[in-house]
């Protein structure tokens, strides 16, 4: 089941790249900004609860989809791109086993404990 879910996330990640190719940006913008959503981990400098809240908010796929759709409605490609980065990054994280966080510890995610087989 875990591999099936990773395969699904891989296709979702590829979908975000496909939509990116329809925008008028140089190819290197996608990989250059792909890890910017991880700045949400700065909340962990305060404590685990705030860290989990900021991380989960930024890594929730509904946020990326909503921003992308807002960009479509406003005919604004930078907003669309921001949504695709959030959406694609979240899928990439889930492929790697980084799920949404529980408030007790960074390693405790909805996909299990990070680092455990």
N, C-alpha and C. Protein backbone atom coordinates (compact mmCIF):
# COMPACT_ATOMS: atom_id res chain seq x y z
N UNK A 1 0.83 -1.20 0.00
CA UNK A 1 0.00 0.00 0.00
C UNK A 1 0.87 1.26 0.00
N UNK A 2 1.96 1.22 0.78
CA UNK A 2 2.83 2.39 0.86
C UNK A 2 3.41 2.75 -0.51
N UNK A 3 3.82 1.74 -1.27
CA UNK A 3 4.37 2.00 -2.60
C UNK A 3 3.31 2.53 -3.55
N UNK A 4 2.08 2.05 -3.41
CA UNK A 4 0.99 2.54 -4.25
C UNK A 4 0.73 4.02 -3.97
N UNK A 5 0.76 4.40 -2.70
CA UNK A 5 0.58 5.81 -2.35
C UNK A 5 1.73 6.67 -2.86
N UNK A 6 2.95 6.15 -2.80
CA UNK A 6 4.10 6.90 -3.33
C UNK A 6 3.99 7.06 -4.84
N UNK A 7 3.50 6.03 -5.52
CA UNK A 7 3.30 6.12 -6.96
C UNK A 7 2.25 7.18 -7.30
N UNK A 8 1.19 7.21 -6.52
CA UNK A 8 0.16 8.23 -6.72
C UNK A 8 0.75 9.63 -6.54
N UNK A 9 1.55 9.81 -5.50
CA UNK A 9 2.17 11.12 -5.26
C UNK A 9 3.15 11.47 -6.37
N UNK A 10 3.84 10.49 -6.92
CA UNK A 10 4.75 10.73 -8.03
C UNK A 10 3.99 11.29 -9.23
N UNK A 11 2.83 10.73 -9.52
CA UNK A 11 2.02 11.23 -10.63
C UNK A 11 1.49 12.64 -10.34
N UNK A 12 1.14 12.91 -9.10
CA UNK A 12 0.68 14.24 -8.73
C UNK A 12 1.82 15.25 -8.87
N UNK A 13 3.02 14.85 -8.45
CA UNK A 13 4.20 15.70 -8.61
C UNK A 13 4.44 16.00 -10.09
N UNK A 14 4.35 14.95 -10.91
CA UNK A 14 4.52 15.12 -12.36
C UNK A 14 3.46 16.04 -12.94
N UNK A 15 2.24 15.98 -12.40
CA UNK A 15 1.17 16.86 -12.85
C UNK A 15 1.52 18.32 -12.57
N UNK A 16 2.11 18.57 -11.41
CA UNK A 16 2.50 19.96 -11.10
C UNK A 16 3.57 20.44 -12.08
N UNK A 17 4.48 19.56 -12.46
CA UNK A 17 5.51 19.94 -13.44
C UNK A 17 4.87 20.18 -14.81
N UNK A 18 3.92 19.33 -15.17
CA UNK A 18 3.22 19.50 -16.45
C UNK A 18 2.54 20.86 -16.50
N UNK A 19 1.79 21.22 -15.45
CA UNK A 19 1.12 22.52 -15.43
C UNK A 19 2.14 23.66 -15.46
N UNK A 20 3.29 23.46 -14.81
CA UNK A 20 4.33 24.49 -14.83
C UNK A 20 4.81 24.73 -16.26
N UNK A 21 4.92 23.68 -17.07
CA UNK A 21 5.39 23.86 -18.45
C UNK A 21 4.44 24.70 -19.28
N UNK A 22 3.21 24.87 -18.83
CA UNK A 22 2.23 25.69 -19.54
C UNK A 22 2.34 27.17 -19.18
N UNK A 23 3.16 27.47 -18.18
CA UNK A 23 3.37 28.86 -17.77
C UNK A 23 4.59 29.43 -18.49
N UNK A 24 4.70 30.73 -18.51
CA UNK A 24 5.80 31.40 -19.21
C UNK A 24 6.95 31.71 -18.26
N UNK A 25 7.58 30.66 -17.74
CA UNK A 25 8.75 30.81 -16.88
C UNK A 25 9.86 29.93 -17.43
N UNK A 26 11.09 30.35 -17.21
CA UNK A 26 12.23 29.51 -17.57
C UNK A 26 12.18 28.24 -16.73
N UNK A 27 12.66 27.13 -17.30
CA UNK A 27 12.56 25.83 -16.64
C UNK A 27 13.22 25.81 -15.26
N UNK A 28 14.27 26.58 -15.07
CA UNK A 28 15.05 26.51 -13.84
C UNK A 28 14.33 27.11 -12.64
N UNK A 29 13.27 27.88 -12.87
CA UNK A 29 12.52 28.45 -11.75
C UNK A 29 11.89 27.37 -10.87
N UNK A 30 11.42 26.30 -11.50
CA UNK A 30 10.76 25.24 -10.72
C UNK A 30 11.73 24.59 -9.73
N UNK A 31 12.87 24.05 -10.20
CA UNK A 31 13.78 23.45 -9.21
C UNK A 31 14.38 24.47 -8.25
N UNK A 32 14.54 25.72 -8.72
CA UNK A 32 15.15 26.74 -7.85
C UNK A 32 14.26 27.07 -6.66
N UNK A 33 12.95 27.02 -6.85
CA UNK A 33 12.02 27.40 -5.77
C UNK A 33 11.30 26.22 -5.13
N UNK A 34 11.60 25.01 -5.56
CA UNK A 34 10.87 23.83 -5.10
C UNK A 34 10.96 23.62 -3.59
N UNK A 35 12.05 24.03 -2.97
CA UNK A 35 12.21 23.79 -1.54
C UNK A 35 11.83 24.98 -0.66
N UNK A 36 11.34 26.06 -1.27
CA UNK A 36 10.95 27.23 -0.46
C UNK A 36 9.84 26.92 0.54
N UNK A 37 8.89 26.01 0.26
CA UNK A 37 7.89 25.73 1.29
C UNK A 37 8.48 25.17 2.59
N UNK A 38 9.71 24.66 2.54
CA UNK A 38 10.33 24.15 3.76
C UNK A 38 10.72 25.25 4.74
N UNK A 39 10.64 26.50 4.29
CA UNK A 39 10.84 27.60 5.24
C UNK A 39 9.80 27.56 6.35
N UNK A 40 8.69 26.88 6.10
CA UNK A 40 7.65 26.75 7.13
C UNK A 40 8.15 25.98 8.35
N UNK A 41 9.25 25.27 8.22
CA UNK A 41 9.82 24.56 9.37
C UNK A 41 10.42 25.51 10.39
N UNK A 42 10.57 26.77 10.04
CA UNK A 42 11.11 27.74 10.99
C UNK A 42 10.25 27.85 12.25
N UNK A 43 8.98 27.49 12.14
CA UNK A 43 8.11 27.47 13.31
C UNK A 43 8.61 26.55 14.40
N UNK A 44 9.38 25.54 14.03
CA UNK A 44 9.95 24.63 15.03
C UNK A 44 10.98 25.31 15.91
N UNK A 45 11.48 26.47 15.50
CA UNK A 45 12.40 27.22 16.35
C UNK A 45 11.68 27.76 17.59
N UNK A 46 10.35 27.92 17.48
CA UNK A 46 9.56 28.37 18.63
C UNK A 46 9.21 27.18 19.51
N UNK A 47 8.49 26.22 18.92
CA UNK A 47 8.19 24.95 19.61
C UNK A 47 7.55 23.98 18.62
N UNK A 48 7.37 22.75 19.04
CA UNK A 48 6.86 21.71 18.14
C UNK A 48 5.42 21.98 17.70
N UNK A 49 4.60 22.54 18.56
CA UNK A 49 3.21 22.80 18.19
C UNK A 49 3.12 23.86 17.10
N UNK A 50 3.83 24.95 17.26
CA UNK A 50 3.81 26.00 16.25
C UNK A 50 4.48 25.51 14.98
N UNK A 51 5.55 24.78 15.12
CA UNK A 51 6.23 24.21 13.96
C UNK A 51 5.31 23.30 13.15
N UNK A 52 4.59 22.43 13.85
CA UNK A 52 3.65 21.54 13.15
C UNK A 52 2.55 22.34 12.47
N UNK A 53 2.05 23.37 13.14
CA UNK A 53 0.97 24.17 12.56
C UNK A 53 1.43 24.89 11.30
N UNK A 54 2.60 25.53 11.35
CA UNK A 54 3.08 26.25 10.17
C UNK A 54 3.43 25.28 9.04
N UNK A 55 4.08 24.18 9.41
CA UNK A 55 4.45 23.17 8.41
C UNK A 55 3.19 22.60 7.74
N UNK A 56 2.21 22.21 8.54
CA UNK A 56 1.00 21.59 8.00
C UNK A 56 0.19 22.56 7.15
N UNK A 57 0.15 23.82 7.54
CA UNK A 57 -0.59 24.81 6.75
C UNK A 57 0.02 24.95 5.36
N UNK A 58 1.33 25.11 5.30
CA UNK A 58 2.02 25.31 4.02
C UNK A 58 2.03 24.03 3.19
N UNK A 59 2.10 22.87 3.84
CA UNK A 59 2.20 21.60 3.12
C UNK A 59 0.85 20.94 2.84
N UNK A 60 -0.23 21.61 3.19
CA UNK A 60 -1.56 21.06 2.88
C UNK A 60 -1.84 21.29 1.40
N UNK A 61 -2.18 20.25 0.70
CA UNK A 61 -2.38 20.36 -0.76
C UNK A 61 -3.51 21.31 -1.13
N UNK A 62 -4.51 21.43 -0.28
CA UNK A 62 -5.61 22.34 -0.58
C UNK A 62 -5.13 23.78 -0.69
N UNK A 63 -4.10 24.15 0.06
CA UNK A 63 -3.56 25.50 -0.04
C UNK A 63 -2.95 25.72 -1.43
N UNK A 64 -2.11 24.79 -1.86
CA UNK A 64 -1.50 24.91 -3.18
C UNK A 64 -2.52 24.94 -4.30
N UNK A 65 -3.52 24.07 -4.22
CA UNK A 65 -4.57 24.03 -5.24
C UNK A 65 -5.36 25.34 -5.24
N UNK A 66 -5.69 25.84 -4.05
CA UNK A 66 -6.45 27.08 -3.95
C UNK A 66 -5.69 28.26 -4.54
N UNK A 67 -4.41 28.34 -4.24
CA UNK A 67 -3.60 29.44 -4.78
C UNK A 67 -3.48 29.31 -6.29
N UNK A 68 -3.28 28.09 -6.78
CA UNK A 68 -3.21 27.88 -8.23
C UNK A 68 -4.51 28.32 -8.91
N UNK A 69 -5.64 27.92 -8.37
CA UNK A 69 -6.94 28.30 -8.94
C UNK A 69 -7.15 29.81 -8.86
N UNK A 70 -6.73 30.42 -7.75
CA UNK A 70 -6.83 31.87 -7.64
C UNK A 70 -6.02 32.54 -8.75
N UNK A 71 -4.85 31.99 -9.03
CA UNK A 71 -4.03 32.52 -10.13
C UNK A 71 -4.70 32.39 -11.48
N UNK A 72 -5.42 31.28 -11.67
CA UNK A 72 -6.17 31.11 -12.92
C UNK A 72 -7.29 32.14 -13.02
N UNK A 73 -8.04 32.31 -11.93
CA UNK A 73 -9.15 33.26 -11.92
C UNK A 73 -8.65 34.68 -12.18
N UNK A 74 -7.52 35.02 -11.56
CA UNK A 74 -6.97 36.37 -11.71
C UNK A 74 -6.10 36.52 -12.96
N UNK A 75 -5.93 35.43 -13.70
CA UNK A 75 -5.06 35.40 -14.87
C UNK A 75 -3.67 35.94 -14.48
N UNK A 76 -3.12 35.36 -13.43
CA UNK A 76 -1.86 35.81 -12.86
C UNK A 76 -0.92 34.61 -12.76
N UNK A 77 0.04 34.52 -13.68
CA UNK A 77 0.92 33.36 -13.71
C UNK A 77 1.84 33.24 -12.49
N UNK A 78 2.36 34.31 -11.91
CA UNK A 78 3.16 34.14 -10.69
C UNK A 78 2.37 33.50 -9.54
N UNK A 79 1.09 33.84 -9.41
CA UNK A 79 0.26 33.21 -8.38
C UNK A 79 0.03 31.74 -8.72
N UNK A 80 -0.22 31.45 -9.99
CA UNK A 80 -0.36 30.06 -10.41
C UNK A 80 0.91 29.28 -10.08
N UNK A 81 2.05 29.87 -10.38
CA UNK A 81 3.33 29.22 -10.11
C UNK A 81 3.51 28.96 -8.63
N UNK A 82 3.16 29.91 -7.79
CA UNK A 82 3.28 29.72 -6.34
C UNK A 82 2.43 28.53 -5.89
N UNK A 83 1.21 28.43 -6.42
CA UNK A 83 0.36 27.30 -6.09
C UNK A 83 0.96 25.98 -6.54
N UNK A 84 1.55 25.97 -7.73
CA UNK A 84 2.16 24.73 -8.24
C UNK A 84 3.37 24.33 -7.41
N UNK A 85 4.14 25.29 -6.96
CA UNK A 85 5.29 24.97 -6.10
C UNK A 85 4.81 24.35 -4.79
N UNK A 86 3.80 24.94 -4.18
CA UNK A 86 3.27 24.38 -2.93
C UNK A 86 2.71 22.98 -3.14
N UNK A 87 1.94 22.82 -4.19
CA UNK A 87 1.31 21.53 -4.50
C UNK A 87 2.36 20.47 -4.84
N UNK A 88 3.29 20.82 -5.72
CA UNK A 88 4.33 19.87 -6.13
C UNK A 88 5.25 19.50 -4.98
N UNK A 89 5.63 20.49 -4.19
CA UNK A 89 6.51 20.23 -3.06
C UNK A 89 5.86 19.27 -2.06
N UNK A 90 4.58 19.49 -1.80
CA UNK A 90 3.87 18.62 -0.86
C UNK A 90 3.86 17.17 -1.35
N UNK A 91 3.66 16.99 -2.63
CA UNK A 91 3.69 15.63 -3.19
C UNK A 91 5.08 15.03 -3.11
N UNK A 92 6.09 15.85 -3.41
CA UNK A 92 7.47 15.36 -3.33
C UNK A 92 7.80 14.93 -1.89
N UNK A 93 7.38 15.72 -0.92
CA UNK A 93 7.63 15.36 0.47
C UNK A 93 6.98 14.03 0.82
N UNK A 94 5.77 13.82 0.36
CA UNK A 94 5.07 12.57 0.68
C UNK A 94 5.73 11.37 0.00
N UNK A 95 6.29 11.57 -1.18
CA UNK A 95 7.05 10.50 -1.84
C UNK A 95 8.23 10.10 -0.95
N UNK A 96 8.85 11.09 -0.33
CA UNK A 96 10.03 10.85 0.51
C UNK A 96 9.68 10.44 1.94
N UNK A 97 8.38 10.37 2.24
CA UNK A 97 7.95 9.92 3.56
C UNK A 97 7.73 11.02 4.57
N UNK A 98 7.78 12.27 4.12
CA UNK A 98 7.53 13.40 5.02
C UNK A 98 6.07 13.79 4.94
N UNK A 99 5.31 13.37 5.92
CA UNK A 99 3.89 13.67 5.93
C UNK A 99 3.58 14.88 6.77
N UNK A 100 2.30 15.15 6.93
CA UNK A 100 1.86 16.23 7.81
C UNK A 100 2.24 15.87 9.24
N UNK A 101 2.60 16.87 10.02
CA UNK A 101 3.19 16.64 11.34
C UNK A 101 2.16 16.64 12.46
N UNK A 102 2.41 15.77 13.42
CA UNK A 102 1.69 15.83 14.69
C UNK A 102 2.41 16.84 15.58
N UNK A 103 1.70 17.45 16.53
CA UNK A 103 2.31 18.54 17.30
C UNK A 103 3.33 18.12 18.35
N UNK A 104 3.57 16.83 18.51
CA UNK A 104 4.52 16.41 19.55
C UNK A 104 5.97 16.39 19.08
N UNK A 105 6.20 16.07 17.80
CA UNK A 105 7.58 15.99 17.31
C UNK A 105 7.61 16.04 15.79
N UNK A 106 8.68 16.59 15.23
CA UNK A 106 8.83 16.72 13.78
C UNK A 106 8.77 15.36 13.09
N UNK A 107 9.36 14.35 13.70
CA UNK A 107 9.43 13.03 13.07
C UNK A 107 8.10 12.27 13.09
N UNK A 108 7.14 12.71 13.87
CA UNK A 108 5.84 12.03 14.00
C UNK A 108 4.88 12.59 12.96
N UNK A 109 4.62 11.81 11.88
CA UNK A 109 3.80 12.30 10.78
C UNK A 109 2.61 11.38 10.53
N UNK A 110 1.70 11.83 9.69
CA UNK A 110 0.54 11.02 9.35
C UNK A 110 0.94 9.81 8.51
N UNK A 111 2.16 9.76 8.02
CA UNK A 111 2.66 8.62 7.26
C UNK A 111 3.48 7.67 8.11
N UNK A 112 3.62 7.98 9.39
CA UNK A 112 4.44 7.18 10.30
C UNK A 112 5.57 8.03 10.83
N UNK A 113 6.54 7.37 11.44
CA UNK A 113 7.68 8.06 11.99
C UNK A 113 8.78 8.16 10.93
N UNK A 114 9.29 9.34 10.73
CA UNK A 114 10.35 9.56 9.73
C UNK A 114 11.59 8.77 10.18
N UNK A 115 12.13 8.03 9.25
CA UNK A 115 13.35 7.27 9.53
C UNK A 115 13.13 5.83 9.92
N UNK A 116 11.88 5.44 10.18
CA UNK A 116 11.58 4.04 10.51
C UNK A 116 11.15 3.33 9.25
N UNK A 117 11.60 2.09 9.12
CA UNK A 117 11.25 1.30 7.92
C UNK A 117 9.82 0.81 7.98
